[in-house]
Amino acid sequence: MQRIPILTYHQIAEAPPKGAPFRSLYVAPGAFARQMAVLKMLGYRGLSMGALLPYLRGEKSGRVVGITFDDGYRNNLVHALPVLQKHGFSSTCYVVSGLLGQTNIWDQEVGIAQTPLMTATDLHAWCAGGQEVGAHTCNHAKLSQISAHHSWDEISRSKAELEVLLGTAVSHFCYPYGGYEASHVQQVQAAGFTTATTTGRGRASRASALFELPRVPVLRSTTLPVFLLKLLSSYEDRK
């Protein structure tokens, strides 16, 4: 059975100084460019979740990899988009719909540096560049810590807000913090999404539940040899 890595990125930028919290979630622009070049050299097609769906369903086969970005940082547009376009790749950026043009305020309490998120204009540029937007709730909510009514609002409204803004369907969702329960899976389905990704580690396959898809994290410390291990072996499947 074909194993499909769905890569997870956050910020494509130089990491803050040593000692800063969650430096691991930064991938330097040069490292990202090298990773995408390696994918191309190996004959992989980098795909958005929408383009990847037929492979996840077993309707198509081929050397493909999903590319996803969590949170909607503006540095994805600045540093990742040109590289993706160079190689003819598409990707999905999961956006926090209620915080466009603001910063990652959900990280303030743990001391993570505040970084600009994409504006509405930036999102249009992202889509015009051949990329896809997915939903990541309205406020980067911790779904397991809020009521069912509140979680439904966060999930369904993020989809509606982004669809109005972009004038196109937003069909893919990502659980913030990777935290969710069975009830949230049902809400994501009821809201009309087609897939949902998690922070569960592993490569996906047609046997994977489409609303609980595992992914492969790419971190600041991910060297090219480790990147290849994650891509080509069962390295992540054992996590």
Protein backbone atom coordinates (compact mmCIF):
# COMPACT_ATOMS: atom_id res chain seq x y z
CA MET A 1 0.00 0.00 0.00
CA GLN A 2 1.37 3.39 -1.02
CA ARG A 3 2.58 5.50 1.88
CA ILE A 4 2.13 9.25 1.38
CA PRO A 5 4.04 11.73 3.53
CA ILE A 6 2.08 14.88 4.38
CA LEU A 7 4.75 17.34 5.46
CA THR A 8 4.02 19.82 8.26
CA TYR A 9 5.69 23.22 8.36
CA HIS A 10 5.01 26.28 10.51
CA GLN A 11 7.31 29.23 9.99
CA ILE A 12 9.69 29.53 7.04
CA ALA A 13 12.12 31.98 8.57
CA GLU A 14 15.38 32.13 10.46
CA ALA A 15 14.94 30.91 14.02
CA PRO A 16 15.12 33.34 16.96
CA PRO A 17 18.18 33.26 19.23
CA LYS A 18 19.10 30.12 21.14
CA GLY A 19 16.94 29.70 24.23
CA ALA A 20 13.79 31.07 22.61
CA PRO A 21 10.79 28.74 23.06
CA PHE A 22 9.71 26.48 20.20
CA ARG A 23 12.65 27.32 17.94
CA SER A 24 12.02 23.89 16.44
CA LEU A 25 8.99 25.22 14.53
CA TYR A 26 11.16 27.47 12.35
CA VAL A 27 12.64 26.14 9.11
CA ALA A 28 15.19 28.46 7.50
CA PRO A 29 14.34 29.61 3.96
CA GLY A 30 17.52 28.03 2.61
CA ALA A 31 16.73 24.68 4.26
CA PHE A 32 13.19 24.76 2.88
CA ALA A 33 14.50 25.50 -0.61
CA ARG A 34 16.90 22.55 -0.41
CA GLN A 35 14.15 20.21 0.81
CA MET A 36 11.86 21.16 -2.08
CA ALA A 37 14.75 20.75 -4.54
CA VAL A 38 15.40 17.25 -3.19
CA LEU A 39 11.74 16.34 -3.63
CA LYS A 40 11.87 17.51 -7.23
CA MET A 41 15.14 15.70 -7.89
CA LEU A 42 13.64 12.46 -6.57
CA GLY A 43 10.65 12.80 -8.88
CA TYR A 44 8.09 13.77 -6.24
CA ARG A 45 5.17 16.10 -6.88
CA GLY A 46 4.41 18.39 -3.96
CA LEU A 47 0.63 18.69 -3.64
CA SER A 48 -2.03 20.58 -1.71
CA MET A 49 -4.54 18.56 0.24
CA GLY A 50 -7.11 19.04 -2.51
CA ALA A 51 -4.75 17.72 -5.16
CA LEU A 52 -3.59 14.92 -2.84
CA LEU A 53 -7.10 13.64 -2.09
CA PRO A 54 -7.39 11.22 -5.05
CA TYR A 55 -4.15 9.58 -3.91
CA LEU A 56 -5.39 9.31 -0.33
CA ARG A 57 -8.57 7.68 -1.63
CA GLY A 58 -6.59 5.21 -3.74
CA GLU A 59 -8.01 6.61 -6.97
CA LYS A 60 -4.54 7.60 -8.21
CA SER A 61 -1.01 6.43 -7.54
CA GLY A 62 2.31 8.11 -8.03
CA ARG A 63 5.27 9.67 -6.30
CA VAL A 64 3.54 12.43 -4.38
CA VAL A 65 3.91 14.25 -1.08
CA GLY A 66 1.49 16.59 0.67
CA ILE A 67 2.81 19.99 1.76
CA THR A 68 1.04 21.82 4.58
CA PHE A 69 1.71 24.96 6.61
CA ASP A 70 0.00 25.57 9.95
CA ASP A 71 -1.23 28.96 11.20
CA GLY A 72 -0.87 31.20 8.13
CA TYR A 73 2.36 33.09 8.77
CA ARG A 74 3.22 35.81 6.28
CA ASN A 75 6.72 34.36 5.98
CA ASN A 76 5.14 31.38 4.19
CA LEU A 77 4.07 33.76 1.43
CA VAL A 78 7.40 35.58 1.33
CA HIS A 79 9.79 32.63 1.56
CA ALA A 80 7.89 29.46 0.63
CA LEU A 81 5.69 30.57 -2.26
CA PRO A 82 8.51 31.42 -4.70
CA VAL A 83 10.16 28.05 -4.04
CA LEU A 84 6.91 26.14 -4.50
CA GLN A 85 6.23 27.96 -7.75
CA LYS A 86 9.76 27.29 -9.01
CA HIS A 87 9.16 23.55 -8.72
CA GLY A 88 5.52 23.54 -9.80
CA PHE A 89 4.35 22.43 -6.36
CA SER A 90 1.10 23.23 -4.61
CA SER A 91 0.44 23.27 -0.87
CA THR A 92 -2.21 23.98 1.76
CA CYS A 93 -1.87 26.70 4.37
CA TYR A 94 -4.20 26.28 7.36
CA VAL A 95 -5.33 29.76 8.36
CA VAL A 96 -6.75 31.13 11.62
CA SER A 97 -9.65 33.05 10.09
CA GLY A 98 -10.28 35.49 12.93
CA LEU A 99 -6.70 36.71 13.20
CA LEU A 100 -5.82 37.71 9.64
CA GLY A 101 -3.24 40.47 9.58
CA GLN A 102 -2.53 40.06 13.29
CA THR A 103 0.05 37.87 15.02
CA ASN A 104 0.21 34.45 16.70
CA ILE A 105 -1.36 35.77 19.89
CA TRP A 106 -2.25 32.23 21.04
CA ASP A 107 1.49 31.74 21.67
CA GLN A 108 2.03 34.78 23.87
CA GLU A 109 1.51 32.97 27.17
CA VAL A 110 4.39 30.59 26.44
CA GLY A 111 6.71 33.36 25.30
CA ILE A 112 6.88 32.60 21.59
CA ALA A 113 7.88 35.62 19.50
CA GLN A 114 5.00 37.39 17.79
CA THR A 115 5.13 37.06 14.02
CA PRO A 116 2.82 38.61 11.38
CA LEU A 117 0.07 36.44 9.96
CA MET A 118 -1.13 36.79 6.38
CA THR A 119 -3.66 39.51 5.62
CA ALA A 120 -6.69 39.05 3.39
CA THR A 121 -4.66 40.51 0.51
CA ASP A 122 -1.84 38.07 1.25
CA LEU A 123 -4.26 35.13 1.14
CA HIS A 124 -5.48 36.20 -2.28
CA ALA A 125 -1.86 36.38 -3.43
CA TRP A 126 -1.22 32.92 -1.97
CA CYS A 127 -4.14 31.46 -3.92
CA ALA A 128 -3.21 33.37 -7.08
CA GLY A 129 0.19 31.72 -6.75
CA GLY A 130 -1.38 28.30 -7.15
CA GLN A 131 -1.67 27.43 -3.47
CA GLU A 132 -4.63 26.40 -1.31
CA VAL A 133 -6.10 27.72 1.95
CA GLY A 134 -7.46 25.44 4.65
CA ALA A 135 -9.15 26.29 7.96
CA HIS A 136 -7.54 26.21 11.42
CA THR A 137 -10.52 27.53 13.46
CA CYS A 138 -11.28 31.21 14.04
CA ASN A 139 -8.98 31.78 17.03
CA HIS A 140 -6.58 28.81 17.14
CA ALA A 141 -8.89 27.24 19.69
CA LYS A 142 -8.05 24.39 22.02
CA LEU A 143 -11.05 22.35 20.96
CA SER A 144 -10.85 19.88 23.82
CA GLN A 145 -11.09 22.70 26.37
CA ILE A 146 -14.23 24.42 25.10
CA SER A 147 -17.92 23.51 24.91
CA ALA A 148 -19.45 21.61 22.01
CA HIS A 149 -21.33 24.75 20.98
CA HIS A 150 -18.14 26.79 21.01
CA SER A 151 -16.11 24.20 19.09
CA TRP A 152 -18.83 23.97 16.43
CA ASP A 153 -18.70 27.74 16.03
CA GLU A 154 -14.90 27.75 15.76
CA ILE A 155 -14.92 24.98 13.15
CA SER A 156 -17.89 25.96 11.00
CA ARG A 157 -17.38 29.72 11.12
CA SER A 158 -13.73 29.47 10.09
CA LYS A 159 -14.85 27.68 6.94
CA ALA A 160 -17.61 30.19 6.21
CA GLU A 161 -15.41 33.25 6.81
CA LEU A 162 -12.64 32.03 4.55
CA GLU A 163 -15.03 31.02 1.80
CA VAL A 164 -16.63 34.48 1.80
CA LEU A 165 -13.21 36.11 1.73
CA LEU A 166 -11.75 33.96 -1.03
CA GLY A 167 -14.87 33.25 -3.07
CA THR A 168 -14.00 29.56 -3.27
CA ALA A 169 -14.64 26.38 -1.29
CA VAL A 170 -12.45 25.75 1.75
CA SER A 171 -12.51 21.98 2.11
CA HIS A 172 -9.61 21.08 4.39
CA PHE A 173 -9.19 21.49 8.14
CA CYS A 174 -6.40 21.14 10.67
CA TYR A 175 -6.94 20.65 14.42
CA PRO A 176 -5.09 23.38 16.37
CA TYR A 177 -2.42 22.00 18.70
CA GLY A 178 -3.34 18.59 17.26
CA GLY A 179 -5.95 18.31 20.03
CA TYR A 180 -9.36 16.86 19.23
CA GLU A 181 -11.94 14.29 20.29
CA ALA A 182 -14.36 12.08 18.36
CA SER A 183 -17.03 14.77 18.65
CA HIS A 184 -14.77 17.26 16.86
CA VAL A 185 -14.21 14.81 14.01
CA GLN A 186 -17.99 14.63 13.63
CA GLN A 187 -18.27 18.42 13.68
CA VAL A 188 -15.60 18.80 11.01
CA GLN A 189 -17.47 16.35 8.81
CA ALA A 190 -20.82 18.05 9.48
CA ALA A 191 -19.32 21.44 8.59
CA GLY A 192 -18.60 20.13 5.09
CA PHE A 193 -14.85 19.63 5.14
CA THR A 194 -13.30 16.85 3.05
CA THR A 195 -10.17 16.12 5.09
CA ALA A 196 -8.66 16.99 8.44
CA THR A 197 -5.03 16.69 9.49
CA THR A 198 -3.59 16.04 12.93
CA THR A 199 -0.19 16.20 14.60
CA GLY A 200 -0.16 12.40 14.84
CA ARG A 201 3.08 11.25 13.26
CA GLY A 202 3.25 8.89 10.32
CA ARG A 203 2.80 8.67 6.58
CA ALA A 204 -0.76 8.49 5.29
CA SER A 205 -2.26 5.84 3.04
CA ARG A 206 -5.64 4.96 1.57
CA ALA A 207 -6.32 3.12 4.84
CA SER A 208 -5.98 6.37 6.81
CA ALA A 209 -9.12 8.03 8.15
CA LEU A 210 -9.56 11.18 6.04
CA PHE A 211 -10.54 13.24 9.10
CA GLU A 212 -7.63 12.05 11.24
CA LEU A 213 -4.72 12.14 8.82
CA PRO A 214 -1.22 11.76 10.26
CA ARG A 215 1.59 14.01 9.10
CA VAL A 216 5.36 14.21 8.99
CA PRO A 217 6.83 17.16 10.94
CA VAL A 218 9.69 19.09 9.38
CA LEU A 219 11.61 21.01 12.03
CA ARG A 220 14.56 23.39 12.32
CA SER A 221 16.74 20.41 13.25
CA THR A 222 15.61 18.26 10.30
CA THR A 223 18.78 17.71 8.28
CA LEU A 224 18.57 16.51 4.69
CA PRO A 225 19.49 12.90 5.64
CA VAL A 226 16.71 12.90 8.26
CA PHE A 227 14.34 14.53 5.78
CA LEU A 228 15.00 11.63 3.41
CA LEU A 229 14.48 9.10 6.21
CA LYS A 230 11.11 10.69 7.00
CA LEU A 231 10.17 10.64 3.33
CA LEU A 232 11.39 7.27 2.14
CA SER A 233 11.33 4.95 5.16
CA SER A 234 9.12 3.88 8.03
CA TYR A 235 10.98 6.32 10.31
CA GLU A 236 7.85 8.36 11.08
CA ASP A 237 5.47 5.39 10.95
CA ARG A 238 7.01 4.02 14.12
CA LYS A 239 6.59 7.25 16.12
